[in-house]
């Protein structure tokens, strides 16, 4: 049986040399959407929890999306377009784009699998030429008389830690596949992604954090230094 090849990419610090959600928070704070000192204090604290593997993802997403919930759709979408132009385009490096395109040329299905929410990340995935995105989906107030915009809550299973395996599994089911029918390469920088790295056929520790680097060396996983 010929296996379908999937190339799975984490986004932040893997395909781009930055944390897109953290950068988006700084960008909107500079626009006056949040109190700068308080936002930085909370944002930095959440980021330390993320690196330590102790992040409450629901609390973080409520915090990270509070500004766009307040601003509404039109302001948020316009601001994100400017964020793409002024911040993200400069962060898309030729070597990362070439890695994605090499998989596409080989006929692999490329999927960005990120713990950052889809509002922030879908345009970034598109900028890499990737249509398939597994990200944290945001709940929408779609009740009669509702805002029709985000509420700050997560819809479904967040694609974070073990949730990435759950969400990729659901993608496989939706496409009439299971793990035995696919060959998966997964690129990630973070030890938070160990569940999916361990599930992948080929795990690639990409610009890895200290814990992931040590584990990759111990297990003989490929280590890719995509950025200097």
Protein backbone atom coordinates (compact mmCIF):
# COMPACT_ATOMS: atom_id res chain seq x y z
CA UNK A 1 0.00 0.00 0.00
CA UNK A 2 1.30 3.43 -0.93
CA UNK A 3 1.19 5.75 2.06
CA UNK A 4 -0.10 9.29 1.71
CA UNK A 5 2.66 11.69 2.73
CA UNK A 6 1.88 14.52 5.11
CA UNK A 7 4.29 17.29 6.09
CA UNK A 8 3.15 18.83 9.37
CA UNK A 9 4.64 22.11 10.53
CA UNK A 10 4.38 23.88 13.83
CA UNK A 11 4.42 27.62 13.15
CA UNK A 12 5.94 29.78 15.89
CA UNK A 13 9.75 29.47 16.17
CA UNK A 14 9.52 26.63 13.63
CA UNK A 15 8.48 28.19 10.32
CA UNK A 16 8.89 31.76 11.55
CA UNK A 17 11.59 32.91 14.00
CA UNK A 18 9.08 34.48 16.39
CA UNK A 19 5.89 33.82 18.34
CA UNK A 20 3.08 35.18 16.15
CA UNK A 21 0.57 35.52 18.99
CA UNK A 22 3.07 37.36 21.20
CA UNK A 23 3.97 39.64 18.28
CA UNK A 24 0.29 40.28 17.52
CA UNK A 25 -0.26 41.27 21.14
CA UNK A 26 2.63 43.72 20.97
CA UNK A 27 1.32 45.08 17.66
CA UNK A 28 -2.20 45.73 18.97
CA UNK A 29 -0.86 47.19 22.21
CA UNK A 30 1.15 49.68 20.15
CA UNK A 31 -2.17 50.68 18.56
CA UNK A 32 -3.56 51.46 22.01
CA UNK A 33 -5.90 48.47 22.20
CA UNK A 34 -4.55 47.35 25.59
CA UNK A 35 -2.76 48.87 28.57
CA UNK A 36 0.88 48.39 27.62
CA UNK A 37 2.38 47.63 31.03
CA UNK A 38 -0.39 45.29 32.18
CA UNK A 39 -0.60 43.48 28.85
CA UNK A 40 3.16 42.91 28.79
CA UNK A 41 3.12 41.59 32.37
CA UNK A 42 0.38 39.06 31.64
CA UNK A 43 1.62 38.16 28.17
CA UNK A 44 5.14 37.46 29.42
CA UNK A 45 3.78 35.39 32.31
CA UNK A 46 1.68 33.25 29.95
CA UNK A 47 4.70 32.79 27.67
CA UNK A 48 6.81 31.54 30.58
CA UNK A 49 4.06 29.02 31.40
CA UNK A 50 4.04 27.94 27.75
CA UNK A 51 7.79 27.32 27.75
CA UNK A 52 7.47 25.44 31.04
CA UNK A 53 4.64 23.26 29.73
CA UNK A 54 2.15 24.57 32.32
CA UNK A 55 0.00 26.88 30.17
CA UNK A 56 -3.76 27.04 30.79
CA UNK A 57 -4.64 27.37 27.11
CA UNK A 58 -8.24 28.45 27.74
CA UNK A 59 -7.17 31.27 30.05
CA UNK A 60 -4.48 32.31 27.61
CA UNK A 61 -6.83 32.45 24.62
CA UNK A 62 -9.34 34.54 26.57
CA UNK A 63 -6.52 36.95 27.38
CA UNK A 64 -4.97 36.95 23.90
CA UNK A 65 -8.26 37.56 22.09
CA UNK A 66 -9.76 40.13 24.48
CA UNK A 67 -8.63 43.04 22.31
CA UNK A 68 -10.17 41.72 19.09
CA UNK A 69 -13.37 40.79 20.93
CA UNK A 70 -13.64 44.43 22.06
CA UNK A 71 -12.61 45.91 18.71
CA UNK A 72 -14.96 43.85 16.58
CA UNK A 73 -14.52 42.31 13.15
CA UNK A 74 -13.77 45.23 10.84
CA UNK A 75 -11.12 46.88 13.03
CA UNK A 76 -9.49 43.53 13.85
CA UNK A 77 -9.33 42.32 10.25
CA UNK A 78 -7.89 45.63 9.03
CA UNK A 79 -5.29 45.63 11.80
CA UNK A 80 -4.27 42.07 10.99
CA UNK A 81 -3.72 42.96 7.34
CA UNK A 82 -1.31 45.67 8.48
CA UNK A 83 0.32 43.20 10.91
CA UNK A 84 0.95 40.86 7.99
CA UNK A 85 2.54 43.65 5.94
CA UNK A 86 4.66 45.24 8.65
CA UNK A 87 5.62 42.29 10.85
CA UNK A 88 5.01 38.85 9.36
CA UNK A 89 6.26 39.36 5.81
CA UNK A 90 9.69 40.25 7.21
CA UNK A 91 9.63 37.10 9.36
CA UNK A 92 9.03 34.70 6.45
CA UNK A 93 12.56 33.59 5.60
CA UNK A 94 13.55 32.11 2.23
CA UNK A 95 14.82 28.86 3.76
CA UNK A 96 11.51 28.25 5.54
CA UNK A 97 9.50 28.97 2.41
CA UNK A 98 11.75 26.66 0.40
CA UNK A 99 11.28 23.83 2.93
CA UNK A 100 7.50 24.07 2.61
CA UNK A 101 7.69 24.31 -1.17
CA UNK A 102 10.03 21.31 -1.40
CA UNK A 103 7.39 19.17 0.31
CA UNK A 104 4.72 20.58 -1.99
CA UNK A 105 6.81 19.84 -5.08
CA UNK A 106 7.24 16.27 -3.82
CA UNK A 107 3.46 15.93 -3.73
CA UNK A 108 3.16 15.92 0.06
CA UNK A 109 0.11 17.42 1.74
CA UNK A 110 1.38 20.29 3.88
CA UNK A 111 -0.51 21.20 7.05
CA UNK A 112 0.34 23.91 9.56
CA UNK A 113 -0.49 22.60 13.05
CA UNK A 114 -0.28 25.38 15.61
CA UNK A 115 -1.42 26.17 19.13
CA UNK A 116 -2.00 29.79 18.12
CA UNK A 117 -5.54 30.76 17.20
CA UNK A 118 -6.79 30.62 13.63
CA UNK A 119 -7.56 34.36 13.41
CA UNK A 120 -3.87 35.15 13.84
CA UNK A 121 -2.45 32.21 11.90
CA UNK A 122 -4.63 31.53 8.86
CA UNK A 123 -3.23 34.50 6.90
CA UNK A 124 0.29 33.42 7.88
CA UNK A 125 -0.30 29.88 6.60
CA UNK A 126 -1.69 31.38 3.38
CA UNK A 127 1.47 33.49 3.03
CA UNK A 128 3.42 30.21 2.97
CA UNK A 129 1.06 28.89 0.30
CA UNK A 130 -0.55 26.46 2.76
CA UNK A 131 -4.34 26.05 2.74
CA UNK A 132 -4.55 23.31 5.35
CA UNK A 133 -4.45 24.77 8.87
CA UNK A 134 -5.06 23.09 12.21
CA UNK A 135 -5.15 25.88 14.79
CA UNK A 136 -7.06 26.84 17.92
CA UNK A 137 -10.56 27.56 16.66
CA UNK A 138 -12.37 30.45 18.32
CA UNK A 139 -16.00 30.32 19.36
CA UNK A 140 -18.32 32.79 17.62
CA UNK A 141 -21.38 34.46 19.14
CA UNK A 142 -23.79 33.22 16.49
CA UNK A 143 -26.95 33.19 18.63
CA UNK A 144 -29.93 35.24 17.39
CA UNK A 145 -29.06 38.85 18.08
CA UNK A 146 -25.45 37.94 18.79
CA UNK A 147 -22.38 39.82 17.62
CA UNK A 148 -21.39 37.29 14.96
CA UNK A 149 -17.83 37.76 16.20
CA UNK A 150 -15.49 35.95 18.56
CA UNK A 151 -16.35 35.48 22.23
CA UNK A 152 -12.86 34.73 23.59
CA UNK A 153 -13.67 31.05 24.17
CA UNK A 154 -12.18 28.08 22.33
CA UNK A 155 -14.37 26.03 20.01
CA UNK A 156 -13.69 22.30 20.19
CA UNK A 157 -10.38 20.72 21.11
CA UNK A 158 -7.48 23.19 21.22
CA UNK A 159 -4.53 22.14 19.06
CA UNK A 160 -2.14 22.27 22.01
CA UNK A 161 0.06 19.50 23.41
CA UNK A 162 -1.98 16.22 23.21
CA UNK A 163 -4.69 18.18 21.43
CA UNK A 164 -2.51 18.37 18.33
CA UNK A 165 -2.67 14.58 18.03
CA UNK A 166 -6.44 14.68 18.53
CA UNK A 167 -6.90 17.34 15.88
CA UNK A 168 -4.62 15.67 13.33
CA UNK A 169 -6.47 12.42 13.96
CA UNK A 170 -9.75 14.21 13.24
CA UNK A 171 -8.27 15.63 10.03
CA UNK A 172 -7.36 12.08 8.99
CA UNK A 173 -10.87 10.81 9.77
CA UNK A 174 -12.40 13.71 7.82
CA UNK A 175 -10.27 12.71 4.82
CA UNK A 176 -11.07 8.99 5.07
CA UNK A 177 -7.66 8.09 6.45
CA UNK A 178 -6.05 6.68 9.57
CA UNK A 179 -2.51 6.72 10.92
CA UNK A 180 -1.65 3.41 9.22
CA UNK A 181 -2.29 4.97 5.81
CA UNK A 182 -0.04 8.01 6.14
CA UNK A 183 3.65 8.81 6.39
CA UNK A 184 3.97 11.91 8.55
CA UNK A 185 6.91 14.26 8.95
CA UNK A 186 6.44 16.75 11.77
CA UNK A 187 8.64 19.81 12.28
CA UNK A 188 8.54 21.53 15.67
CA UNK A 189 10.73 23.59 17.97
CA UNK A 190 8.86 22.87 21.19
CA UNK A 191 8.85 20.16 23.81
CA UNK A 192 5.14 20.99 24.18
CA UNK A 193 4.75 19.15 20.87
CA UNK A 194 6.22 15.86 22.09
CA UNK A 195 2.88 14.01 21.77
CA UNK A 196 2.72 14.67 18.02
CA UNK A 197 6.47 14.33 17.52
CA UNK A 198 6.28 10.86 19.08
CA UNK A 199 3.28 9.97 16.88
CA UNK A 200 4.91 11.15 13.63
CA UNK A 201 6.74 8.78 11.32
CA UNK A 202 9.62 11.25 11.07
CA UNK A 203 9.98 13.77 13.91
CA UNK A 204 12.22 16.74 13.12
CA UNK A 205 13.33 18.94 16.00
CA UNK A 206 13.47 22.32 14.27
CA UNK A 207 15.29 25.19 16.02
CA UNK A 208 14.56 23.16 19.15
CA UNK A 209 14.23 24.41 22.70
CA UNK A 210 16.70 23.02 25.20
CA UNK A 211 14.51 20.15 26.39
CA UNK A 212 13.55 19.06 22.88
CA UNK A 213 17.16 19.30 21.70
CA UNK A 214 18.28 16.97 24.50
CA UNK A 215 15.48 14.49 23.75
CA UNK A 216 16.18 14.59 20.01
CA UNK A 217 19.86 13.87 20.61
CA UNK A 218 18.97 11.04 22.97
CA UNK A 219 16.49 9.47 20.54
CA UNK A 220 18.42 10.07 17.36
CA UNK A 221 15.85 12.40 15.84
CA UNK A 222 16.91 14.78 13.10
CA UNK A 223 17.75 18.28 14.34
CA UNK A 224 17.19 21.07 11.82
CA UNK A 225 18.61 24.53 12.36
CA UNK A 226 16.37 26.47 10.00
CA UNK A 227 17.32 29.89 11.32
CA UNK A 228 20.76 31.20 12.34
